[in-house]
N, C-alpha and C. Protein backbone atom coordinates (compact mmCIF):
# COMPACT_ATOMS: atom_id res chain seq x y z
N MET A 1 81.97 100.31 139.85
CA MET A 1 82.19 99.90 138.55
C MET A 1 81.39 98.82 137.92
N ASN A 2 80.92 98.87 137.06
CA ASN A 2 80.15 97.68 136.53
C ASN A 2 80.96 96.66 135.70
N THR A 3 80.63 95.52 135.44
CA THR A 3 81.28 94.26 134.91
C THR A 3 81.69 94.81 133.36
N LEU A 4 80.95 95.39 132.59
CA LEU A 4 81.41 95.66 131.37
C LEU A 4 82.61 96.70 131.24
N THR A 5 82.46 97.77 132.13
CA THR A 5 83.48 98.89 132.24
C THR A 5 84.78 98.07 132.87
N ARG A 6 84.74 97.24 133.77
CA ARG A 6 85.90 96.60 134.39
C ARG A 6 86.70 95.50 133.14
N ARG A 7 85.66 95.05 132.29
CA ARG A 7 86.38 94.09 131.34
C ARG A 7 87.03 94.94 130.20
N LEU A 8 86.19 96.33 129.86
CA LEU A 8 86.82 96.97 129.09
C LEU A 8 88.30 97.47 129.33
N ASP A 9 88.30 97.92 130.53
CA ASP A 9 89.46 98.39 131.32
C ASP A 9 90.66 97.53 131.29
N GLN A 10 90.29 96.38 131.47
CA GLN A 10 91.25 94.92 131.56
C GLN A 10 91.83 94.96 129.93
N SER A 11 91.03 95.24 128.83
CA SER A 11 91.42 94.94 127.57
C SER A 11 92.19 96.32 127.04
N ARG A 12 92.06 97.32 127.83
CA ARG A 12 92.67 98.51 127.35
C ARG A 12 93.99 98.38 126.77
N PRO A 13 94.96 97.88 127.39
CA PRO A 13 96.37 97.65 126.86
C PRO A 13 96.38 96.93 125.49
N TYR A 14 95.49 96.02 125.32
CA TYR A 14 95.79 95.14 124.38
C TYR A 14 94.85 95.92 122.99
N ALA A 15 93.88 96.72 123.47
CA ALA A 15 93.22 97.27 122.31
C ALA A 15 94.09 98.54 121.84
N LEU A 16 94.76 99.13 122.67
CA LEU A 16 95.78 100.17 122.33
C LEU A 16 96.90 99.60 121.54
N GLY A 17 97.39 98.56 121.80
CA GLY A 17 98.46 97.90 121.26
C GLY A 17 98.00 97.50 119.68
N LEU A 18 96.70 96.91 119.52
CA LEU A 18 96.08 96.79 118.15
C LEU A 18 95.97 98.03 117.39
N PHE A 19 95.74 99.05 117.98
CA PHE A 19 95.62 100.45 117.45
C PHE A 19 97.20 100.77 117.06
N ARG A 20 98.03 100.53 117.94
CA ARG A 20 99.37 100.91 117.58
C ARG A 20 99.72 100.28 116.33
N ILE A 21 99.57 99.09 116.11
CA ILE A 21 99.78 97.98 115.19
C ILE A 21 99.49 98.37 113.90
N VAL A 22 98.23 98.68 113.80
CA VAL A 22 97.60 99.14 112.68
C VAL A 22 98.04 100.09 112.19
N VAL A 23 98.01 101.26 112.84
CA VAL A 23 98.59 102.64 112.61
C VAL A 23 99.91 102.66 112.16
N GLY A 24 100.82 101.81 113.05
CA GLY A 24 102.29 101.71 112.44
C GLY A 24 102.55 100.90 111.11
N LEU A 25 101.38 100.23 110.83
CA LEU A 25 101.58 99.06 109.45
C LEU A 25 101.06 100.03 108.38
N LEU A 26 100.02 100.85 108.43
CA LEU A 26 99.55 101.70 107.45
C LEU A 26 100.59 102.74 107.17
N PHE A 27 101.39 103.35 108.17
CA PHE A 27 102.26 104.40 107.94
C PHE A 27 103.51 103.86 107.21
N ALA A 28 103.90 102.82 107.62
CA ALA A 28 105.15 102.34 107.01
C ALA A 28 104.73 101.76 105.65
N CYS A 29 103.54 101.29 105.30
CA CYS A 29 103.21 101.23 103.93
C CYS A 29 103.37 102.38 102.94
N HIS A 30 102.72 103.56 103.57
CA HIS A 30 103.20 104.64 102.96
C HIS A 30 104.62 104.89 102.46
N GLY A 31 105.39 104.75 103.49
CA GLY A 31 106.94 104.80 103.24
C GLY A 31 107.42 103.95 102.19
N ALA A 32 107.14 102.58 102.26
CA ALA A 32 107.45 101.62 101.22
C ALA A 32 106.97 101.90 99.90
N ALA A 33 105.91 102.41 99.68
CA ALA A 33 105.27 102.66 98.55
C ALA A 33 106.05 103.76 97.80
N SER A 34 106.37 104.80 98.66
CA SER A 34 107.10 106.04 98.08
C SER A 34 108.55 105.57 97.91
N LEU A 35 109.22 104.80 98.56
CA LEU A 35 110.61 104.61 98.40
C LEU A 35 110.88 103.42 97.51
N PHE A 36 110.08 102.62 97.42
CA PHE A 36 110.23 101.40 96.55
C PHE A 36 109.20 100.95 95.53
N GLY A 37 108.27 101.73 95.61
CA GLY A 37 107.20 101.58 94.34
C GLY A 37 106.28 100.54 94.75
N VAL A 38 106.25 99.86 95.77
CA VAL A 38 105.37 98.84 96.23
C VAL A 38 103.91 99.28 96.57
N LEU A 39 103.01 98.50 96.52
CA LEU A 39 101.67 98.76 96.79
C LEU A 39 101.12 99.90 96.03
N GLY A 40 101.55 99.87 94.72
CA GLY A 40 100.91 101.19 93.70
C GLY A 40 101.84 102.25 93.74
N GLY A 41 103.09 102.32 94.54
CA GLY A 41 103.99 103.32 94.23
C GLY A 41 103.60 104.61 95.00
N ALA A 42 104.34 105.64 94.75
CA ALA A 42 104.30 106.97 95.31
C ALA A 42 102.98 107.65 94.30
N THR A 43 102.62 108.71 94.79
CA THR A 43 101.36 109.37 94.08
C THR A 43 101.79 109.34 92.69
N GLY A 44 101.00 108.80 91.86
CA GLY A 44 100.94 108.70 90.40
C GLY A 44 101.93 107.51 89.95
N GLY A 45 102.37 106.60 90.90
CA GLY A 45 102.95 105.65 90.73
C GLY A 45 104.44 105.68 90.62
N GLY A 46 105.36 104.64 90.61
CA GLY A 46 106.82 104.90 90.68
C GLY A 46 107.32 105.10 91.96
N THR A 47 108.58 105.83 92.15
CA THR A 47 109.27 106.03 93.63
C THR A 47 109.66 107.59 93.52
N ILE A 48 109.76 107.96 94.56
CA ILE A 48 110.54 109.23 94.91
C ILE A 48 111.92 109.27 94.64
N PRO A 49 112.53 109.97 93.81
CA PRO A 49 113.95 110.06 93.83
C PRO A 49 114.72 110.30 95.12
N ALA A 50 115.72 109.65 95.25
CA ALA A 50 116.52 109.72 96.75
C ALA A 50 116.87 111.30 96.89
N GLY A 51 116.86 111.55 98.15
CA GLY A 51 117.06 112.83 98.49
C GLY A 51 116.29 114.23 98.18
N THR A 52 115.23 113.84 97.66
CA THR A 52 114.29 114.89 97.19
C THR A 52 113.55 115.42 98.32
N TRP A 53 113.62 116.77 98.47
CA TRP A 53 112.85 117.41 99.68
C TRP A 53 111.39 117.72 99.28
N PRO A 54 110.58 117.76 100.27
CA PRO A 54 110.59 116.91 101.34
C PRO A 54 110.22 115.37 101.24
N GLY A 55 109.74 114.93 100.17
CA GLY A 55 109.12 113.75 99.70
C GLY A 55 109.89 112.68 100.21
N TRP A 56 111.08 112.53 99.78
CA TRP A 56 111.97 111.28 100.18
C TRP A 56 112.15 111.28 101.68
N TYR A 57 112.33 112.25 102.24
CA TYR A 57 112.83 112.41 103.70
C TYR A 57 111.47 111.86 104.36
N ALA A 58 110.46 112.49 104.01
CA ALA A 58 109.04 112.09 104.62
C ALA A 58 108.80 110.60 104.44
N ALA A 59 109.18 109.85 103.18
CA ALA A 59 109.12 108.36 103.21
C ALA A 59 109.98 107.73 104.00
N VAL A 60 111.00 108.08 104.15
CA VAL A 60 112.01 107.49 105.21
C VAL A 60 111.47 107.67 106.58
N ILE A 61 110.93 108.71 107.03
CA ILE A 61 110.33 108.84 108.34
C ILE A 61 109.13 107.79 108.44
N GLN A 62 108.28 107.88 107.33
CA GLN A 62 107.26 107.01 107.43
C GLN A 62 107.62 105.67 107.58
N LEU A 63 108.53 105.02 106.77
CA LEU A 63 108.97 103.68 106.92
C LEU A 63 109.65 103.41 108.20
N VAL A 64 110.42 104.05 108.62
CA VAL A 64 111.23 103.83 109.83
C VAL A 64 110.42 103.95 111.23
N CYS A 65 109.92 104.98 111.18
CA CYS A 65 108.77 105.41 112.32
C CYS A 65 107.75 104.53 112.33
N GLY A 66 107.06 104.10 111.34
CA GLY A 66 105.88 103.29 111.01
C GLY A 66 106.44 101.88 111.42
N GLY A 67 107.54 101.46 111.16
CA GLY A 67 108.13 99.97 111.50
C GLY A 67 108.37 100.06 113.09
N LEU A 68 108.86 101.11 113.62
CA LEU A 68 109.32 101.07 115.00
C LEU A 68 107.56 101.32 115.79
N VAL A 69 106.90 101.87 115.42
CA VAL A 69 105.67 101.98 116.23
C VAL A 69 104.96 100.69 115.92
N LEU A 70 104.80 100.09 114.77
CA LEU A 70 104.47 98.75 114.55
C LEU A 70 104.82 97.66 115.49
N VAL A 71 106.06 97.51 115.81
CA VAL A 71 106.66 96.60 116.56
C VAL A 71 106.77 96.96 118.21
N GLY A 72 106.40 98.42 118.33
CA GLY A 72 106.28 98.81 119.66
C GLY A 72 107.73 99.22 120.36
N LEU A 73 108.55 99.63 119.43
CA LEU A 73 110.06 99.80 120.29
C LEU A 73 110.31 101.26 120.01
N GLY A 74 110.60 101.80 121.04
CA GLY A 74 110.68 103.40 121.07
C GLY A 74 109.49 104.02 120.63
N THR A 75 108.40 103.65 120.79
CA THR A 75 107.07 103.95 120.33
C THR A 75 106.78 105.43 120.64
N ARG A 76 107.26 106.01 121.90
CA ARG A 76 106.81 107.56 121.97
C ARG A 76 107.77 108.31 121.19
N GLY A 77 108.94 108.12 120.93
CA GLY A 77 109.99 108.87 120.32
C GLY A 77 109.51 108.81 118.64
N ALA A 78 109.33 107.55 118.45
CA ALA A 78 108.91 107.36 116.73
C ALA A 78 107.52 108.11 116.62
N ALA A 79 106.60 108.17 117.56
CA ALA A 79 105.26 108.58 117.20
C ALA A 79 105.38 110.18 117.25
N PHE A 80 106.40 110.64 118.12
CA PHE A 80 106.77 112.07 118.11
C PHE A 80 107.04 112.56 116.72
N LEU A 81 108.33 111.99 116.30
CA LEU A 81 108.62 112.24 115.02
C LEU A 81 107.67 112.33 113.80
N ALA A 82 107.06 110.92 113.88
CA ALA A 82 105.90 110.85 112.84
C ALA A 82 104.89 111.81 112.92
N SER A 83 104.39 112.24 114.18
CA SER A 83 103.31 113.33 114.28
C SER A 83 103.49 114.51 113.81
N GLY A 84 104.88 114.90 113.92
CA GLY A 84 105.36 116.29 113.50
C GLY A 84 105.58 116.06 112.15
N SER A 85 106.09 115.07 111.58
CA SER A 85 106.13 115.19 110.07
C SER A 85 104.80 115.07 109.35
N MET A 86 103.82 114.43 110.08
CA MET A 86 102.25 114.58 109.41
C MET A 86 101.83 115.99 109.62
N ALA A 87 102.12 116.55 110.80
CA ALA A 87 101.64 118.01 110.84
C ALA A 87 102.12 119.05 109.94
N TYR A 88 103.55 118.73 109.72
CA TYR A 88 104.21 119.53 108.73
C TYR A 88 103.70 119.23 107.29
N ALA A 89 103.51 118.03 107.10
CA ALA A 89 102.77 117.58 105.63
C ALA A 89 101.38 118.55 105.43
N TYR A 90 100.67 118.48 106.58
CA TYR A 90 99.32 119.15 106.58
C TYR A 90 99.53 120.51 106.28
N PHE A 91 100.28 121.02 107.16
CA PHE A 91 100.35 122.46 107.01
C PHE A 91 100.98 123.14 105.81
N TRP A 92 101.97 122.23 105.32
CA TRP A 92 102.85 122.71 104.12
C TRP A 92 102.30 122.44 102.91
N ALA A 93 101.74 121.25 102.76
CA ALA A 93 101.13 120.88 101.36
C ALA A 93 99.59 120.96 101.40
N HIS A 94 98.81 120.87 102.27
CA HIS A 94 97.48 120.78 102.20
C HIS A 94 96.56 122.10 102.81
N GLN A 95 96.95 122.54 103.81
CA GLN A 95 96.41 123.73 104.47
C GLN A 95 96.47 124.86 103.39
N PRO A 96 97.46 125.12 102.46
CA PRO A 96 97.41 126.41 101.70
C PRO A 96 96.18 126.09 100.68
N GLU A 97 95.87 125.09 100.44
CA GLU A 97 94.78 124.67 99.21
C GLU A 97 93.37 124.99 99.87
N ALA A 98 93.09 124.78 101.07
CA ALA A 98 91.79 125.06 101.37
C ALA A 98 91.91 125.05 103.08
N LEU A 99 90.69 125.54 103.73
CA LEU A 99 90.79 125.32 105.21
C LEU A 99 90.52 124.04 105.73
N PHE A 100 89.60 123.38 105.32
CA PHE A 100 89.34 121.94 106.13
C PHE A 100 89.87 120.91 105.16
N PRO A 101 90.18 119.75 106.16
CA PRO A 101 90.90 118.68 105.55
C PRO A 101 90.03 118.05 104.42
N LEU A 102 88.80 118.13 104.35
CA LEU A 102 88.12 117.37 103.26
C LEU A 102 88.19 118.06 102.21
N GLN A 103 88.42 119.40 102.30
CA GLN A 103 88.54 120.08 101.13
C GLN A 103 90.06 120.37 100.41
N ASN A 104 90.96 120.04 101.43
CA ASN A 104 92.46 120.27 100.62
C ASN A 104 92.83 118.78 100.67
N GLY A 105 92.51 117.84 100.87
CA GLY A 105 92.92 116.54 100.66
C GLY A 105 93.88 116.07 101.73
N GLY A 106 93.72 116.63 102.86
CA GLY A 106 94.71 116.31 104.09
C GLY A 106 94.28 115.47 105.19
N GLU A 107 93.00 114.73 104.81
CA GLU A 107 92.65 113.87 105.84
C GLU A 107 93.60 112.89 106.45
N THR A 108 94.24 112.46 105.45
CA THR A 108 95.31 111.24 105.86
C THR A 108 96.45 111.90 106.79
N ALA A 109 97.00 112.98 106.28
CA ALA A 109 97.80 113.69 107.18
C ALA A 109 97.44 114.05 108.59
N ALA A 110 96.05 114.55 108.67
CA ALA A 110 95.73 114.89 109.83
C ALA A 110 95.48 113.71 110.72
N LEU A 111 94.81 112.78 110.36
CA LEU A 111 94.62 111.72 111.05
C LEU A 111 95.83 110.88 111.62
N PHE A 112 96.67 110.77 110.60
CA PHE A 112 97.99 110.18 111.18
C PHE A 112 98.63 111.16 112.24
N SER A 113 98.76 112.60 111.97
CA SER A 113 99.28 113.25 112.98
C SER A 113 98.70 113.16 114.50
N TRP A 114 97.06 113.05 114.45
CA TRP A 114 96.63 113.11 115.73
C TRP A 114 96.70 111.50 116.32
N ALA A 115 96.71 110.56 115.33
CA ALA A 115 96.66 109.13 115.94
C ALA A 115 98.23 109.01 116.59
N PHE A 116 99.34 109.60 116.08
CA PHE A 116 100.53 109.46 116.62
C PHE A 116 100.90 110.33 117.79
N ALA A 117 99.95 111.52 117.93
CA ALA A 117 100.10 112.28 118.92
C ALA A 117 99.38 111.60 120.28
N LEU A 118 98.43 110.79 120.02
CA LEU A 118 97.89 109.90 121.00
C LEU A 118 98.80 109.02 121.61
N LEU A 119 99.72 108.39 120.66
CA LEU A 119 100.41 107.34 121.24
C LEU A 119 101.44 107.94 122.06
N ILE A 120 102.00 109.17 121.83
CA ILE A 120 103.08 109.93 122.39
C ILE A 120 102.59 109.74 124.02
N PHE A 121 101.16 110.08 124.14
CA PHE A 121 100.69 110.25 125.67
C PHE A 121 100.31 108.90 126.13
N THR A 122 100.02 108.06 125.24
CA THR A 122 99.41 106.84 126.05
C THR A 122 100.54 105.74 125.96
N GLY A 123 101.37 105.76 125.55
CA GLY A 123 102.64 104.69 125.12
C GLY A 123 102.26 103.60 124.16
N PRO A 124 102.82 102.65 124.16
CA PRO A 124 102.52 101.69 122.99
C PRO A 124 101.51 100.52 123.62
N GLY A 125 100.88 100.46 124.68
CA GLY A 125 99.96 99.43 125.07
C GLY A 125 100.69 98.23 125.15
N GLY A 126 99.66 97.22 124.88
CA GLY A 126 100.29 95.65 125.13
C GLY A 126 100.68 95.48 123.59
N LEU A 127 101.37 94.21 123.76
CA LEU A 127 102.01 93.53 122.73
C LEU A 127 103.14 94.45 122.06
N ALA A 128 103.95 94.94 122.76
CA ALA A 128 105.00 95.82 122.36
C ALA A 128 106.40 95.35 122.79
N LEU A 129 107.43 95.65 121.81
CA LEU A 129 108.64 95.19 121.99
C LEU A 129 109.51 96.08 123.36
N ASP A 130 108.89 97.17 123.39
CA ASP A 130 109.25 97.86 124.74
C ASP A 130 108.99 97.05 126.02
N GLY A 131 108.06 96.40 125.97
CA GLY A 131 107.83 95.54 127.29
C GLY A 131 108.98 94.48 127.63
N LEU A 132 109.54 94.04 126.48
CA LEU A 132 110.48 93.24 126.83
C LEU A 132 111.89 93.92 127.31
N PHE A 133 111.80 95.15 127.23
CA PHE A 133 113.08 95.89 127.57
C PHE A 133 112.81 96.59 129.09
N GLY A 134 111.75 96.43 129.82
CA GLY A 134 111.29 96.92 131.01
C GLY A 134 110.85 98.18 130.70
N ARG A 135 110.36 98.85 129.71
CA ARG A 135 109.91 100.04 129.50
C ARG A 135 108.51 100.11 129.56
N THR A 136 107.71 101.06 129.94
CA THR A 136 106.25 101.01 130.39
C THR A 136 105.57 100.67 129.03
N THR A 137 104.32 100.04 129.41
CA THR A 137 103.43 99.60 128.39
C THR A 137 102.36 100.54 128.17
N GLY A 138 102.11 101.68 128.83
CA GLY A 138 101.04 102.61 128.65
C GLY A 138 99.92 102.16 129.48
N ASP A 139 99.86 101.10 130.28
CA ASP A 139 98.83 100.68 130.95
C ASP A 139 98.52 101.75 132.13
N ALA A 140 97.11 102.04 132.35
CA ALA A 140 96.70 103.04 133.51
C ALA A 140 97.35 102.63 134.73
N ARG A 141 97.46 101.03 135.04
CA ARG A 141 98.16 100.86 136.19
C ARG A 141 99.64 101.44 136.24
N ASP A 142 100.43 101.48 135.21
CA ASP A 142 101.68 101.78 135.13
C ASP A 142 101.78 103.40 135.74
N SER A 143 100.87 104.22 135.23
CA SER A 143 100.74 105.55 135.79
C SER A 143 100.58 105.52 137.22
N ARG A 144 99.70 104.92 137.74
CA ARG A 144 99.23 104.99 139.09
C ARG A 144 100.48 104.73 139.78
N ASP A 145 101.13 103.53 139.55
CA ASP A 145 102.38 103.09 140.20
C ASP A 145 103.40 104.22 140.10
N ALA A 146 103.92 104.90 139.12
CA ALA A 146 104.55 106.11 138.92
C ALA A 146 104.05 107.10 139.70
N GLU A 147 102.80 107.44 140.10
CA GLU A 147 102.49 108.55 140.76
C GLU A 147 102.71 108.23 142.40
N LYS A 148 102.40 107.05 142.80
CA LYS A 148 102.65 106.52 144.06
C LYS A 148 104.06 106.57 144.44
N GLN A 149 104.92 106.15 143.61
CA GLN A 149 106.33 106.19 143.55
C GLN A 149 107.02 107.59 143.95
N SER A 150 106.49 108.51 143.07
CA SER A 150 106.97 109.95 142.90
C SER A 150 106.23 110.90 144.10
N ALA A 151 105.13 110.30 144.69
CA ALA A 151 104.42 110.96 145.70
C ALA A 151 105.44 111.18 146.99
N PRO A 152 105.60 112.52 147.54
CA PRO A 152 106.24 112.86 148.76
C PRO A 152 105.76 111.88 150.02
N VAL A 153 106.71 111.73 150.66
CA VAL A 153 106.39 110.93 151.97
C VAL A 153 106.27 112.06 153.13
N THR A 154 104.91 111.90 153.97
CA THR A 154 104.71 112.89 154.80
C THR A 154 104.68 111.91 156.05
N ALA A 155 104.99 112.61 157.28
CA ALA A 155 104.99 112.05 158.39
C ALA A 155 103.91 112.34 159.36
């Protein structure tokens, strides 16, 4: 393995952590805009009335799951819920308009859905509160250690 590859591999948990932080922050901002009217408010300005299906519930998911992903607490569960909500948003609100995201305005929903799907499988990476509670950081070394521990013992 060359030096550059080794250095990049050593930085992987922190790069993944920064990715998680940015995605979580952007997602939480969408929820805050819809619920509280900040950052330009919901689509067309203002807020979404409480209890309105599905927009208000989506905004709550965005704010709560975005915040959890941002700080790296319960990342995989929050990312699972967030990914599913964005997949629902894409197929329910955007897909009926046209086939491709560029045509139907669903690029954001598709990107968030796939970004959160990635976090389900990778975990939070570095700089996560999950690390304070002894949970996995998503580092490649953690998965190798788990494989060693679960490997059957042969004589």
